[in-house]
Amino acid sequence: MALNPRSIERLKGVHPDLVAVVEIVAKGSLNFQVSEGLRTPERQRELVKAGKSQTQNSRHLTGHAVDLVVLNPDGSANWDFAMYEKLADRIFKAASIRRVLIEWGGHWKTLRDGPHFQLPFSKYP
């Protein structure tokens, strides 16, 4: 697979290390697209208000996070968490190749967020 034009557009403003990891994974057989990369403060406030985010200090605001959506063969979104575990495994392998540290929202305890991948504050302030 390859990134579709919409995904490429949504990676604009995202940190190059994270873009490189996403691009490696996109060359594999798991079909996904980028649903969000860099966000405006207004968009972040909307997501917090809707309960889809718990912070106004999202890594999306600085281009240090992406949300990736696994796609079914018909192009619709697949929300089965097991698919995001597969995607995360591939993201971590690609990150290892590029020597990039990645945090996955699927590991969070309060709001488990399978589509969310970010560069950690500790290495990318």
PDB file of N, CA and C in Angstrom:
ATOM      1  N   MET A   1       0.847  -1.176   0.000  1.00  0.00           N
ATOM      2  CA  MET A   1       0.000   0.000   0.000  1.00  0.00           C
ATOM      3  C   MET A   1       0.893   1.241   0.000  1.00  0.00           C
ATOM      4  N   ALA A   2       0.308   2.317  -0.308  1.00  0.00           N
ATOM      5  CA  ALA A   2       0.999   3.603  -0.260  1.00  0.00           C
ATOM      6  C   ALA A   2       0.060   4.605   0.385  1.00  0.00           C
ATOM      7  N   LEU A   3       0.612   5.675   0.897  1.00  0.00           N
ATOM      8  CA  LEU A   3      -0.228   6.721   1.474  1.00  0.00           C
ATOM      9  C   LEU A   3      -1.062   7.372   0.381  1.00  0.00           C
ATOM     10  N   ASN A   4      -2.337   7.587   0.671  1.00  0.00           N
ATOM     11  CA  ASN A   4      -3.192   8.262  -0.294  1.00  0.00           C
ATOM     12  C   ASN A   4      -2.957   9.774  -0.215  1.00  0.00           C
ATOM     13  N   PRO A   5      -3.392  10.521  -1.211  1.00  0.00           N
ATOM     14  CA  PRO A   5      -3.156  11.974  -1.221  1.00  0.00           C
ATOM     15  C   PRO A   5      -3.677  12.689   0.027  1.00  0.00           C
ATOM     16  N   ARG A   6      -4.815  12.246   0.545  1.00  0.00           N
ATOM     17  CA  ARG A   6      -5.372  12.870   1.752  1.00  0.00           C
ATOM     18  C   ARG A   6      -4.417  12.670   2.929  1.00  0.00           C
ATOM     19  N   SER A   7      -3.863  11.475   3.060  1.00  0.00           N
ATOM     20  CA  SER A   7      -2.919  11.202   4.149  1.00  0.00           C
ATOM     21  C   SER A   7      -1.658  12.043   4.003  1.00  0.00           C
ATOM     22  N   ILE A   8      -1.166  12.146   2.785  1.00  0.00           N
ATOM     23  CA  ILE A   8       0.031  12.959   2.540  1.00  0.00           C
ATOM     24  C   ILE A   8      -0.224  14.411   2.940  1.00  0.00           C
ATOM     25  N   GLU A   9      -1.394  14.921   2.605  1.00  0.00           N
ATOM     26  CA  GLU A   9      -1.762  16.298   2.969  1.00  0.00           C
ATOM     27  C   GLU A   9      -1.826  16.445   4.493  1.00  0.00           C
ATOM     28  N   ARG A  10      -2.359  15.452   5.159  1.00  0.00           N
ATOM     29  CA  ARG A  10      -2.520  15.517   6.614  1.00  0.00           C
ATOM     30  C   ARG A  10      -1.211  15.340   7.366  1.00  0.00           C
ATOM     31  N   LEU A  11      -0.169  14.929   6.682  1.00  0.00           N
ATOM     32  CA  LEU A  11       1.155  14.830   7.312  1.00  0.00           C
ATOM     33  C   LEU A  11       1.935  16.141   7.229  1.00  0.00           C
ATOM     34  N   LYS A  12       1.398  17.127   6.529  1.00  0.00           N
ATOM     35  CA  LYS A  12       2.078  18.432   6.460  1.00  0.00           C
ATOM     36  C   LYS A  12       2.127  19.046   7.857  1.00  0.00           C
ATOM     37  N   GLY A  13       3.312  19.479   8.249  1.00  0.00           N
ATOM     38  CA  GLY A  13       3.508  20.077   9.565  1.00  0.00           C
ATOM     39  C   GLY A  13       3.845  19.072  10.655  1.00  0.00           C
ATOM     40  N   VAL A  14       3.811  17.775  10.328  1.00  0.00           N
ATOM     41  CA  VAL A  14       4.166  16.733  11.293  1.00  0.00           C
ATOM     42  C   VAL A  14       5.685  16.561  11.286  1.00  0.00           C
ATOM     43  N   HIS A  15       6.239  16.297  12.450  1.00  0.00           N
ATOM     44  CA  HIS A  15       7.691  16.154  12.598  1.00  0.00           C
ATOM     45  C   HIS A  15       8.220  15.099  11.604  1.00  0.00           C
ATOM     46  N   PRO A  16       9.333  15.381  10.935  1.00  0.00           N
ATOM     47  CA  PRO A  16       9.877  14.453   9.934  1.00  0.00           C
ATOM     48  C   PRO A  16      10.171  13.048  10.453  1.00  0.00           C
ATOM     49  N   ASP A  17      10.552  12.909  11.719  1.00  0.00           N
ATOM     50  CA  ASP A  17      10.814  11.570  12.258  1.00  0.00           C
ATOM     51  C   ASP A  17       9.535  10.732  12.282  1.00  0.00           C
ATOM     52  N   LEU A  18       8.442  11.349  12.661  1.00  0.00           N
ATOM     53  CA  LEU A  18       7.170  10.637  12.709  1.00  0.00           C
ATOM     54  C   LEU A  18       6.660  10.348  11.296  1.00  0.00           C
ATOM     55  N   VAL A  19       6.830  11.287  10.398  1.00  0.00           N
ATOM     56  CA  VAL A  19       6.443  11.081   8.994  1.00  0.00           C
ATOM     57  C   VAL A  19       7.211   9.892   8.417  1.00  0.00           C
ATOM     58  N   ALA A  20       8.493   9.816   8.682  1.00  0.00           N
ATOM     59  CA  ALA A  20       9.320   8.715   8.158  1.00  0.00           C
ATOM     60  C   ALA A  20       8.815   7.358   8.645  1.00  0.00           C
ATOM     61  N   VAL A  21       8.421   7.275   9.903  1.00  0.00           N
ATOM     62  CA  VAL A  21       7.902   6.022  10.450  1.00  0.00           C
ATOM     63  C   VAL A  21       6.584   5.653   9.753  1.00  0.00           C
ATOM     64  N   VAL A  22       5.689   6.606   9.621  1.00  0.00           N
ATOM     65  CA  VAL A  22       4.400   6.356   8.967  1.00  0.00           C
ATOM     66  C   VAL A  22       4.619   5.910   7.523  1.00  0.00           C
ATOM     67  N   GLU A  23       5.547   6.537   6.833  1.00  0.00           N
ATOM     68  CA  GLU A  23       5.821   6.175   5.435  1.00  0.00           C
ATOM     69  C   GLU A  23       6.346   4.741   5.307  1.00  0.00           C
ATOM     70  N   ILE A  24       7.178   4.313   6.227  1.00  0.00           N
ATOM     71  CA  ILE A  24       7.683   2.931   6.203  1.00  0.00           C
ATOM     72  C   ILE A  24       6.516   1.953   6.362  1.00  0.00           C
ATOM     73  N   VAL A  25       5.660   2.206   7.333  1.00  0.00           N
ATOM     74  CA  VAL A  25       4.534   1.301   7.598  1.00  0.00           C
ATOM     75  C   VAL A  25       3.566   1.285   6.421  1.00  0.00           C
ATOM     76  N   ALA A  26       3.408   2.411   5.754  1.00  0.00           N
ATOM     77  CA  ALA A  26       2.489   2.504   4.612  1.00  0.00           C
ATOM     78  C   ALA A  26       2.918   1.610   3.449  1.00  0.00           C
ATOM     79  N   LYS A  27       4.181   1.228   3.417  1.00  0.00           N
ATOM     80  CA  LYS A  27       4.669   0.344   2.347  1.00  0.00           C
ATOM     81  C   LYS A  27       4.278  -1.112   2.581  1.00  0.00           C
ATOM     82  N   GLY A  28       3.716  -1.412   3.759  1.00  0.00           N
ATOM     83  CA  GLY A  28       3.317  -2.781   4.090  1.00  0.00           C
ATOM     84  C   GLY A  28       1.922  -3.102   3.590  1.00  0.00           C
ATOM     85  N   SER A  29       1.396  -4.196   4.075  1.00  0.00           N
ATOM     86  CA  SER A  29       0.122  -4.703   3.573  1.00  0.00           C
ATOM     87  C   SER A  29      -1.092  -4.239   4.376  1.00  0.00           C
ATOM     88  N   LEU A  30      -0.891  -3.622   5.529  1.00  0.00           N
ATOM     89  CA  LEU A  30      -2.011  -3.147   6.338  1.00  0.00           C
ATOM     90  C   LEU A  30      -2.466  -1.793   5.792  1.00  0.00           C
ATOM     91  N   ASN A  31      -3.719  -1.723   5.372  1.00  0.00           N
ATOM     92  CA  ASN A  31      -4.237  -0.504   4.768  1.00  0.00           C
ATOM     93  C   ASN A  31      -4.733   0.453   5.854  1.00  0.00           C
ATOM     94  N   PHE A  32      -4.201   1.670   5.853  1.00  0.00           N
ATOM     95  CA  PHE A  32      -4.610   2.692   6.815  1.00  0.00           C
ATOM     96  C   PHE A  32      -4.470   4.057   6.159  1.00  0.00           C
ATOM     97  N   GLN A  33      -5.028   5.052   6.819  1.00  0.00           N
ATOM     98  CA  GLN A  33      -4.818   6.426   6.367  1.00  0.00           C
ATOM     99  C   GLN A  33      -4.604   7.322   7.578  1.00  0.00           C
ATOM    100  N   VAL A  34      -4.026   8.475   7.330  1.00  0.00           N
ATOM    101  CA  VAL A  34      -3.821   9.469   8.378  1.00  0.00           C
ATOM    102  C   VAL A  34      -5.131  10.242   8.520  1.00  0.00           C
ATOM    103  N   SER A  35      -5.712  10.203   9.703  1.00  0.00           N
ATOM    104  CA  SER A  35      -6.947  10.963   9.913  1.00  0.00           C
ATOM    105  C   SER A  35      -6.643  12.366  10.427  1.00  0.00           C
ATOM    106  N   GLU A  36      -5.593  12.500  11.236  1.00  0.00           N
ATOM    107  CA  GLU A  36      -5.188  13.829  11.698  1.00  0.00           C
ATOM    108  C   GLU A  36      -3.708  13.848  12.002  1.00  0.00           C
ATOM    109  N   GLY A  37      -3.110  14.982  11.712  1.00  0.00           N
ATOM    110  CA  GLY A  37      -1.723  15.246  12.053  1.00  0.00           C
ATOM    111  C   GLY A  37      -1.698  16.514  12.887  1.00  0.00           C
ATOM    112  N   LEU A  38      -1.154  17.570  12.308  1.00  0.00           N
ATOM    113  CA  LEU A  38      -1.084  18.863  12.982  1.00  0.00           C
ATOM    114  C   LEU A  38      -2.493  19.432  13.171  1.00  0.00           C
ATOM    115  N   ARG A  39      -2.795  19.880  14.387  1.00  0.00           N
ATOM    116  CA  ARG A  39      -4.110  20.459  14.700  1.00  0.00           C
ATOM    117  C   ARG A  39      -3.970  21.909  15.112  1.00  0.00           C
ATOM    118  N   THR A  40      -5.029  22.649  14.869  1.00  0.00           N
ATOM    119  CA  THR A  40      -5.113  24.016  15.371  1.00  0.00           C
ATOM    120  C   THR A  40      -5.629  23.974  16.811  1.00  0.00           C
ATOM    121  N   PRO A  41      -5.366  25.022  17.580  1.00  0.00           N
ATOM    122  CA  PRO A  41      -5.932  25.076  18.942  1.00  0.00           C
ATOM    123  C   PRO A  41      -7.464  24.998  18.928  1.00  0.00           C
ATOM    124  N   GLU A  42      -8.082  25.586  17.911  1.00  0.00           N
ATOM    125  CA  GLU A  42      -9.540  25.538  17.801  1.00  0.00           C
ATOM    126  C   GLU A  42     -10.036  24.103  17.647  1.00  0.00           C
ATOM    127  N   ARG A  43      -9.385  23.341  16.779  1.00  0.00           N
ATOM    128  CA  ARG A  43      -9.759  21.940  16.573  1.00  0.00           C
ATOM    129  C   ARG A  43      -9.564  21.147  17.861  1.00  0.00           C
ATOM    130  N   GLN A  44      -8.486  21.414  18.577  1.00  0.00           N
ATOM    131  CA  GLN A  44      -8.230  20.704  19.825  1.00  0.00           C
ATOM    132  C   GLN A  44      -9.323  21.012  20.843  1.00  0.00           C
ATOM    133  N   ARG A  45      -9.735  22.271  20.936  1.00  0.00           N
ATOM    134  CA  ARG A  45     -10.816  22.632  21.864  1.00  0.00           C
ATOM    135  C   ARG A  45     -12.105  21.891  21.509  1.00  0.00           C
ATOM    136  N   GLU A  46     -12.398  21.759  20.209  1.00  0.00           N
ATOM    137  CA  GLU A  46     -13.584  21.014  19.770  1.00  0.00           C
ATOM    138  C   GLU A  46     -13.524  19.563  20.246  1.00  0.00           C
ATOM    139  N   LEU A  47     -12.358  18.947  20.105  1.00  0.00           N
ATOM    140  CA  LEU A  47     -12.209  17.546  20.489  1.00  0.00           C
ATOM    141  C   LEU A  47     -12.331  17.351  21.993  1.00  0.00           C
ATOM    142  N   VAL A  48     -11.790  18.281  22.769  1.00  0.00           N
ATOM    143  CA  VAL A  48     -11.925  18.202  24.230  1.00  0.00           C
ATOM    144  C   VAL A  48     -13.394  18.365  24.615  1.00  0.00           C
ATOM    145  N   LYS A  49     -14.059  19.340  24.019  1.00  0.00           N
ATOM    146  CA  LYS A  49     -15.479  19.582  24.308  1.00  0.00           C
ATOM    147  C   LYS A  49     -16.329  18.354  23.978  1.00  0.00           C
ATOM    148  N   ALA A  50     -15.981  17.651  22.900  1.00  0.00           N
ATOM    149  CA  ALA A  50     -16.722  16.459  22.480  1.00  0.00           C
ATOM    150  C   ALA A  50     -16.321  15.210  23.268  1.00  0.00           C
ATOM    151  N   GLY A  51     -15.322  15.326  24.154  1.00  0.00           N
ATOM    152  CA  GLY A  51     -14.871  14.185  24.945  1.00  0.00           C
ATOM    153  C   GLY A  51     -13.951  13.240  24.195  1.00  0.00           C
ATOM    154  N   LYS A  52     -13.453  13.661  23.032  1.00  0.00           N
ATOM    155  CA  LYS A  52     -12.574  12.808  22.232  1.00  0.00           C
ATOM    156  C   LYS A  52     -11.100  13.033  22.562  1.00  0.00           C
ATOM    157  N   SER A  53     -10.819  14.046  23.357  1.00  0.00           N
ATOM    158  CA  SER A  53      -9.477  14.304  23.873  1.00  0.00           C
ATOM    159  C   SER A  53      -9.647  14.830  25.288  1.00  0.00           C
ATOM    160  N   GLN A  54      -8.635  14.620  26.101  1.00  0.00           N
ATOM    161  CA  GLN A  54      -8.714  15.059  27.495  1.00  0.00           C
ATOM    162  C   GLN A  54      -7.751  16.193  27.807  1.00  0.00           C
ATOM    163  N   THR A  55      -7.086  16.734  26.799  1.00  0.00           N
ATOM    164  CA  THR A  55      -6.079  17.761  27.071  1.00  0.00           C
ATOM    165  C   THR A  55      -6.085  18.854  26.017  1.00  0.00           C
ATOM    166  N   GLN A  56      -5.775  20.047  26.476  1.00  0.00           N
ATOM    167  CA  GLN A  56      -5.550  21.164  25.548  1.00  0.00           C
ATOM    168  C   GLN A  56      -4.073  21.222  25.156  1.00  0.00           C
ATOM    169  N   ASN A  57      -3.273  20.317  25.719  1.00  0.00           N
ATOM    170  CA  ASN A  57      -1.827  20.310  25.487  1.00  0.00           C
ATOM    171  C   ASN A  57      -1.430  19.109  24.617  1.00  0.00           C
ATOM    172  N   SER A  58      -2.212  18.839  23.590  1.00  0.00           N
ATOM    173  CA  SER A  58      -1.981  17.683  22.727  1.00  0.00           C
ATOM    174  C   SER A  58      -0.699  17.829  21.914  1.00  0.00           C
ATOM    175  N   ARG A  59      -0.052  16.710  21.674  1.00  0.00           N
ATOM    176  CA  ARG A  59       1.135  16.692  20.810  1.00  0.00           C
ATOM    177  C   ARG A  59       0.754  17.009  19.359  1.00  0.00           C
ATOM    178  N   HIS A  60      -0.519  16.900  19.020  1.00  0.00           N
ATOM    179  CA  HIS A  60      -0.974  17.283  17.681  1.00  0.00           C
ATOM    180  C   HIS A  60      -0.741  18.776  17.422  1.00  0.00           C
ATOM    181  N   LEU A  61      -0.796  19.584  18.457  1.00  0.00           N
ATOM    182  CA  LEU A  61      -0.666  21.034  18.307  1.00  0.00           C
ATOM    183  C   LEU A  61       0.723  21.457  17.836  1.00  0.00           C
ATOM    184  N   THR A  62       1.700  20.593  18.060  1.00  0.00           N
ATOM    185  CA  THR A  62       3.082  20.916  17.683  1.00  0.00           C
ATOM    186  C   THR A  62       3.600  20.033  16.548  1.00  0.00           C
ATOM    187  N   GLY A  63       2.722  19.172  16.005  1.00  0.00           N
ATOM    188  CA  GLY A  63       3.151  18.288  14.923  1.00  0.00           C
ATOM    189  C   GLY A  63       3.905  17.062  15.396  1.00  0.00           C
ATOM    190  N   HIS A  64       3.728  16.707  16.659  1.00  0.00           N
ATOM    191  CA  HIS A  64       4.423  15.557  17.225  1.00  0.00           C
ATOM    192  C   HIS A  64       3.509  14.350  17.398  1.00  0.00           C
ATOM    193  N   ALA A  65       2.336  14.359  16.764  1.00  0.00           N
ATOM    194  CA  ALA A  65       1.403  13.235  16.878  1.00  0.00           C
ATOM    195  C   ALA A  65       0.610  13.066  15.591  1.00  0.00           C
ATOM    196  N   VAL A  66       0.187  11.831  15.371  1.00  0.00           N
ATOM    197  CA  VAL A  66      -0.713  11.516  14.258  1.00  0.00           C
ATOM    198  C   VAL A  66      -1.770  10.538  14.756  1.00  0.00           C
ATOM    199  N   ASP A  67      -2.923  10.596  14.120  1.00  0.00           N
ATOM    200  CA  ASP A  67      -3.949   9.585  14.311  1.00  0.00           C
ATOM    201  C   ASP A  67      -4.054   8.826  13.000  1.00  0.00           C
ATOM    202  N   LEU A  68      -3.985   7.513  13.094  1.00  0.00           N
ATOM    203  CA  LEU A  68      -4.034   6.636  11.926  1.00  0.00           C
ATOM    204  C   LEU A  68      -5.268   5.751  12.035  1.00  0.00           C
ATOM    205  N   VAL A  69      -6.007   5.625  10.946  1.00  0.00           N
ATOM    206  CA  VAL A  69      -7.218   4.817  10.933  1.00  0.00           C
ATOM    207  C   VAL A  69      -7.018   3.622  10.012  1.00  0.00           C
ATOM    208  N   VAL A  70      -7.198   2.426  10.568  1.00  0.00           N
ATOM    209  CA  VAL A  70      -7.117   1.199   9.776  1.00  0.00           C
ATOM    210  C   VAL A  70      -8.354   1.133   8.890  1.00  0.00           C
ATOM    211  N   LEU A  71      -8.152   0.729   7.640  1.00  0.00           N
ATOM    212  CA  LEU A  71      -9.251   0.674   6.678  1.00  0.00           C
ATOM    213  C   LEU A  71      -9.620  -0.764   6.333  1.00  0.00           C
ATOM    214  N   ASN A  72     -10.903  -0.986   6.179  1.00  0.00           N
ATOM    215  CA  ASN A  72     -11.421  -2.253   5.663  1.00  0.00           C
ATOM    216  C   ASN A  72     -11.184  -2.287   4.157  1.00  0.00           C
ATOM    217  N   PRO A  73     -11.331  -3.461   3.532  1.00  0.00           N
ATOM    218  CA  PRO A  73     -11.148  -3.551   2.070  1.00  0.00           C
ATOM    219  C   PRO A  73     -12.037  -2.586   1.270  1.00  0.00           C
ATOM    220  N   ASP A  74     -13.212  -2.245   1.812  1.00  0.00           N
ATOM    221  CA  ASP A  74     -14.102  -1.315   1.104  1.00  0.00           C
ATOM    222  C   ASP A  74     -13.772   0.155   1.369  1.00  0.00           C
ATOM    223  N   GLY A  75     -12.727   0.416   2.171  1.00  0.00           N
ATOM    224  CA  GLY A  75     -12.299   1.782   2.455  1.00  0.00           C
ATOM    225  C   GLY A  75     -12.927   2.392   3.693  1.00  0.00           C
ATOM    226  N   SER A  76     -13.856   1.686   4.323  1.00  0.00           N
ATOM    227  CA  SER A  76     -14.458   2.194   5.558  1.00  0.00           C
ATOM    228  C   SER A  76     -13.494   1.979   6.728  1.00  0.00           C
ATOM    229  N   ALA A  77     -13.713   2.742   7.798  1.00  0.00           N
ATOM    230  CA  ALA A  77     -12.863   2.638   8.986  1.00  0.00           C
ATOM    231  C   ALA A  77     -13.123   1.337   9.734  1.00  0.00           C
ATOM    232  N   ASN A  78     -12.048   0.729  10.197  1.00  0.00           N
ATOM    233  CA  ASN A  78     -12.123  -0.484  11.005  1.00  0.00           C
ATOM    234  C   ASN A  78     -11.755  -0.084  12.428  1.00  0.00           C
ATOM    235  N   TRP A  79     -12.693  -0.211  13.367  1.00  0.00           N
ATOM    236  CA  TRP A  79     -12.456   0.214  14.741  1.00  0.00           C
ATOM    237  C   TRP A  79     -12.154  -0.954  15.681  1.00  0.00           C
ATOM    238  N   ASP A  80     -11.888  -2.125  15.140  1.00  0.00           N
ATOM    239  CA  ASP A  80     -11.525  -3.295  15.950  1.00  0.00           C
ATOM    240  C   ASP A  80     -10.156  -3.032  16.583  1.00  0.00           C
ATOM    241  N   PHE A  81     -10.106  -3.005  17.929  1.00  0.00           N
ATOM    242  CA  PHE A  81      -8.858  -2.658  18.613  1.00  0.00           C
ATOM    243  C   PHE A  81      -7.715  -3.598  18.246  1.00  0.00           C
ATOM    244  N   ALA A  82      -8.030  -4.836  17.941  1.00  0.00           N
ATOM    245  CA  ALA A  82      -6.985  -5.800  17.553  1.00  0.00           C
ATOM    246  C   ALA A  82      -6.244  -5.326  16.303  1.00  0.00           C
ATOM    247  N   MET A  83      -6.929  -4.644  15.419  1.00  0.00           N
ATOM    248  CA  MET A  83      -6.272  -4.119  14.217  1.00  0.00           C
ATOM    249  C   MET A  83      -5.288  -3.004  14.581  1.00  0.00           C
ATOM    250  N   TYR A  84      -5.609  -2.233  15.601  1.00  0.00           N
ATOM    251  CA  TYR A  84      -4.712  -1.164  16.034  1.00  0.00           C
ATOM    252  C   TYR A  84      -3.504  -1.733  16.769  1.00  0.00           C
ATOM    253  N   GLU A  85      -3.691  -2.884  17.413  1.00  0.00           N
ATOM    254  CA  GLU A  85      -2.541  -3.569  18.010  1.00  0.00           C
ATOM    255  C   GLU A  85      -1.585  -4.028  16.906  1.00  0.00           C
ATOM    256  N   LYS A  86      -2.128  -4.524  15.798  1.00  0.00           N
ATOM    257  CA  LYS A  86      -1.286  -4.906  14.659  1.00  0.00           C
ATOM    258  C   LYS A  86      -0.582  -3.686  14.077  1.00  0.00           C
ATOM    259  N   LEU A  87      -1.329  -2.601  13.926  1.00  0.00           N
ATOM    260  CA  LEU A  87      -0.734  -1.374  13.406  1.00  0.00           C
ATOM    261  C   LEU A  87       0.369  -0.872  14.336  1.00  0.00           C
ATOM    262  N   ALA A  88       0.106  -0.887  15.632  1.00  0.00           N
ATOM    263  CA  ALA A  88       1.108  -0.434  16.601  1.00  0.00           C
ATOM    264  C   ALA A  88       2.375  -1.272  16.519  1.00  0.00           C
ATOM    265  N   ASP A  89       2.221  -2.573  16.371  1.00  0.00           N
ATOM    266  CA  ASP A  89       3.384  -3.452  16.237  1.00  0.00           C
ATOM    267  C   ASP A  89       4.235  -3.013  15.042  1.00  0.00           C
ATOM    268  N   ARG A  90       3.594  -2.709  13.950  1.00  0.00           N
ATOM    269  CA  ARG A  90       4.323  -2.274  12.747  1.00  0.00           C
ATOM    270  C   ARG A  90       4.940  -0.893  12.934  1.00  0.00           C
ATOM    271  N   ILE A  91       4.226  -0.022  13.612  1.00  0.00           N
ATOM    272  CA  ILE A  91       4.772   1.315  13.901  1.00  0.00           C
ATOM    273  C   ILE A  91       6.026   1.184  14.766  1.00  0.00           C
ATOM    274  N   PHE A  92       5.962   0.367  15.812  1.00  0.00           N
ATOM    275  CA  PHE A  92       7.123   0.201  16.691  1.00  0.00           C
ATOM    276  C   PHE A  92       8.305  -0.420  15.955  1.00  0.00           C
ATOM    277  N   LYS A  93       8.055  -1.361  15.069  1.00  0.00           N
ATOM    278  CA  LYS A  93       9.145  -1.957  14.284  1.00  0.00           C
ATOM    279  C   LYS A  93       9.780  -0.920  13.364  1.00  0.00           C
ATOM    280  N   ALA A  94       8.957  -0.139  12.696  1.00  0.00           N
ATOM    281  CA  ALA A  94       9.479   0.914  11.812  1.00  0.00           C
ATOM    282  C   ALA A  94      10.237   1.969  12.614  1.00  0.00           C
ATOM    283  N   ALA A  95       9.704   2.318  13.775  1.00  0.00           N
ATOM    284  CA  ALA A  95      10.373   3.300  14.633  1.00  0.00           C
ATOM    285  C   ALA A  95      11.738   2.780  15.081  1.00  0.00           C
ATOM    286  N   SER A  96      11.816   1.495  15.358  1.00  0.00           N
ATOM    287  CA  SER A  96      13.092   0.889  15.747  1.00  0.00           C
ATOM    288  C   SER A  96      14.112   0.987  14.609  1.00  0.00           C
ATOM    289  N   ILE A  97      13.655   0.722  13.412  1.00  0.00           N
ATOM    290  CA  ILE A  97      14.536   0.830  12.242  1.00  0.00           C
ATOM    291  C   ILE A  97      15.080   2.252  12.115  1.00  0.00           C
ATOM    292  N   ARG A  98      14.212   3.237  12.324  1.00  0.00           N
ATOM    293  CA  ARG A  98      14.599   4.651  12.194  1.00  0.00           C
ATOM    294  C   ARG A  98      15.205   5.227  13.473  1.00  0.00           C
ATOM    295  N   ARG A  99      15.235   4.401  14.525  1.00  0.00           N
ATOM    296  CA  ARG A  99      15.733   4.847  15.837  1.00  0.00           C
ATOM    297  C   ARG A  99      14.947   6.051  16.359  1.00  0.00           C
ATOM    298  N   VAL A 100      13.638   5.903  16.292  1.00  0.00           N
ATOM    299  CA  VAL A 100      12.712   6.936  16.750  1.00  0.00           C
ATOM    300  C   VAL A 100      11.895   6.352  17.901  1.00  0.00           C
ATOM    301  N   LEU A 101      11.773   7.108  18.986  1.00  0.00           N
ATOM    302  CA  LEU A 101      10.926   6.676  20.098  1.00  0.00           C
ATOM    303  C   LEU A 101       9.482   7.055  19.791  1.00  0.00           C
ATOM    304  N   ILE A 102       8.566   6.128  20.061  1.00  0.00           N
ATOM    305  CA  ILE A 102       7.144   6.339  19.794  1.00  0.00           C
ATOM    306  C   ILE A 102       6.347   5.968  21.036  1.00  0.00           C
ATOM    307  N   GLU A 103       5.324   6.749  21.306  1.00  0.00           N
ATOM    308  CA  GLU A 103       4.341   6.401  22.329  1.00  0.00           C
ATOM    309  C   GLU A 103       3.015   6.128  21.616  1.00  0.00           C
ATOM    310  N   TRP A 104       2.293   5.133  22.128  1.00  0.00           N
ATOM    311  CA  TRP A 104       1.028   4.743  21.512  1.00  0.00           C
ATOM    312  C   TRP A 104      -0.123   4.964  22.486  1.00  0.00           C
ATOM    313  N   GLY A 105      -1.165   5.609  22.011  1.00  0.00           N
ATOM    314  CA  GLY A 105      -2.343   5.852  22.835  1.00  0.00           C
ATOM    315  C   GLY A 105      -3.040   4.581  23.292  1.00  0.00           C
ATOM    316  N   GLY A 106      -2.795   3.467  22.623  1.00  0.00           N
ATOM    317  CA  GLY A 106      -3.369   2.195  23.028  1.00  0.00           C
ATOM    318  C   GLY A 106      -2.825   1.688  24.346  1.00  0.00           C
ATOM    319  N   HIS A 107      -1.706   2.262  24.808  1.00  0.00           N
ATOM    320  CA  HIS A 107      -1.123   1.888  26.093  1.00  0.00           C
ATOM    321  C   HIS A 107      -1.635   2.758  27.243  1.00  0.00           C
ATOM    322  N   TRP A 108      -2.393   3.804  26.926  1.00  0.00           N
ATOM    323  CA  TRP A 108      -2.885   4.706  27.967  1.00  0.00           C
ATOM    324  C   TRP A 108      -3.976   4.033  28.778  1.00  0.00           C
ATOM    325  N   LYS A 109      -4.049   4.380  30.050  1.00  0.00           N
ATOM    326  CA  LYS A 109      -5.024   3.763  30.940  1.00  0.00           C
ATOM    327  C   LYS A 109      -6.347   4.548  30.999  1.00  0.00           C
ATOM    328  N   THR A 110      -6.299   5.859  30.892  1.00  0.00           N
ATOM    329  CA  THR A 110      -7.516   6.660  31.071  1.00  0.00           C
ATOM    330  C   THR A 110      -8.374   6.750  29.812  1.00  0.00           C
ATOM    331  N   LEU A 111      -7.780   7.021  28.698  1.00  0.00           N
ATOM    332  CA  LEU A 111      -8.506   7.111  27.429  1.00  0.00           C
ATOM    333  C   LEU A 111      -7.702   6.323  26.401  1.00  0.00           C
ATOM    334  N   ARG A 112      -7.965   5.039  26.327  1.00  0.00           N
ATOM    335  CA  ARG A 112      -7.214   4.185  25.396  1.00  0.00           C
ATOM    336  C   ARG A 112      -7.529   4.635  23.979  1.00  0.00           C
ATOM    337  N   ASP A 113      -6.491   5.067  23.275  1.00  0.00           N
ATOM    338  CA  ASP A 113      -6.646   5.716  21.979  1.00  0.00           C
ATOM    339  C   ASP A 113      -5.827   4.968  20.927  1.00  0.00           C
ATOM    340  N   GLY A 114      -6.387   3.897  20.379  1.00  0.00           N
ATOM    341  CA  GLY A 114      -5.686   3.043  19.430  1.00  0.00           C
ATOM    342  C   GLY A 114      -5.122   3.747  18.209  1.00  0.00           C
ATOM    343  N   PRO A 115      -5.816   4.726  17.638  1.00  0.00           N
ATOM    344  CA  PRO A 115      -5.293   5.388  16.446  1.00  0.00           C
ATOM    345  C   PRO A 115      -4.136   6.370  16.698  1.00  0.00           C
ATOM    346  N   HIS A 116      -3.870   6.720  17.951  1.00  0.00           N
ATOM    347  CA  HIS A 116      -2.932   7.810  18.274  1.00  0.00           C
ATOM    348  C   HIS A 116      -1.492   7.325  18.482  1.00  0.00           C
ATOM    349  N   PHE A 117      -0.568   7.978  17.763  1.00  0.00           N
ATOM    350  CA  PHE A 117       0.864   7.726  17.903  1.00  0.00           C
ATOM    351  C   PHE A 117       1.551   9.075  18.050  1.00  0.00           C
ATOM    352  N   GLN A 118       2.513   9.150  18.982  1.00  0.00           N
ATOM    353  CA  GLN A 118       3.188  10.428  19.197  1.00  0.00           C
ATOM    354  C   GLN A 118       4.659  10.237  19.555  1.00  0.00           C
ATOM    355  N   LEU A 119       5.390  11.310  19.334  1.00  0.00           N
ATOM    356  CA  LEU A 119       6.783  11.385  19.750  1.00  0.00           C
ATOM    357  C   LEU A 119       6.769  11.843  21.205  1.00  0.00           C
ATOM    358  N   PRO A 120       7.561  11.237  22.085  1.00  0.00           N
ATOM    359  CA  PRO A 120       7.506  11.576  23.516  1.00  0.00           C
ATOM    360  C   PRO A 120       8.100  12.941  23.820  1.00  0.00           C
ATOM    361  N   PHE A 121       7.489  13.597  24.814  1.00  0.00           N
ATOM    362  CA  PHE A 121       7.985  14.893  25.297  1.00  0.00           C
ATOM    363  C   PHE A 121       9.448  14.812  25.695  1.00  0.00           C
ATOM    364  N   SER A 122       9.853  13.687  26.300  1.00  0.00           N
ATOM    365  CA  SER A 122      11.217  13.560  26.836  1.00  0.00           C
ATOM    366  C   SER A 122      12.280  13.714  25.757  1.00  0.00           C
ATOM    367  N   LYS A 123      12.014  13.242  24.572  1.00  0.00           N
ATOM    368  CA  LYS A 123      13.002  13.336  23.502  1.00  0.00           C
ATOM    369  C   LYS A 123      12.685  14.458  22.522  1.00  0.00           C
ATOM    370  N   TYR A 124      11.421  14.836  22.430  1.00  0.00           N
ATOM    371  CA  TYR A 124      10.971  15.865  21.485  1.00  0.00           C
ATOM    372  C   TYR A 124      10.180  16.928  22.255  1.00  0.00           C
ATOM    373  N   PRO A 125      10.899  17.792  22.984  1.00  0.00           N
ATOM    374  CA  PRO A 125      10.194  18.803  23.798  1.00  0.00           C
ATOM    375  C   PRO A 125       9.447  19.830  22.936  1.00  0.00           C
TER     376      PRO A 125
END
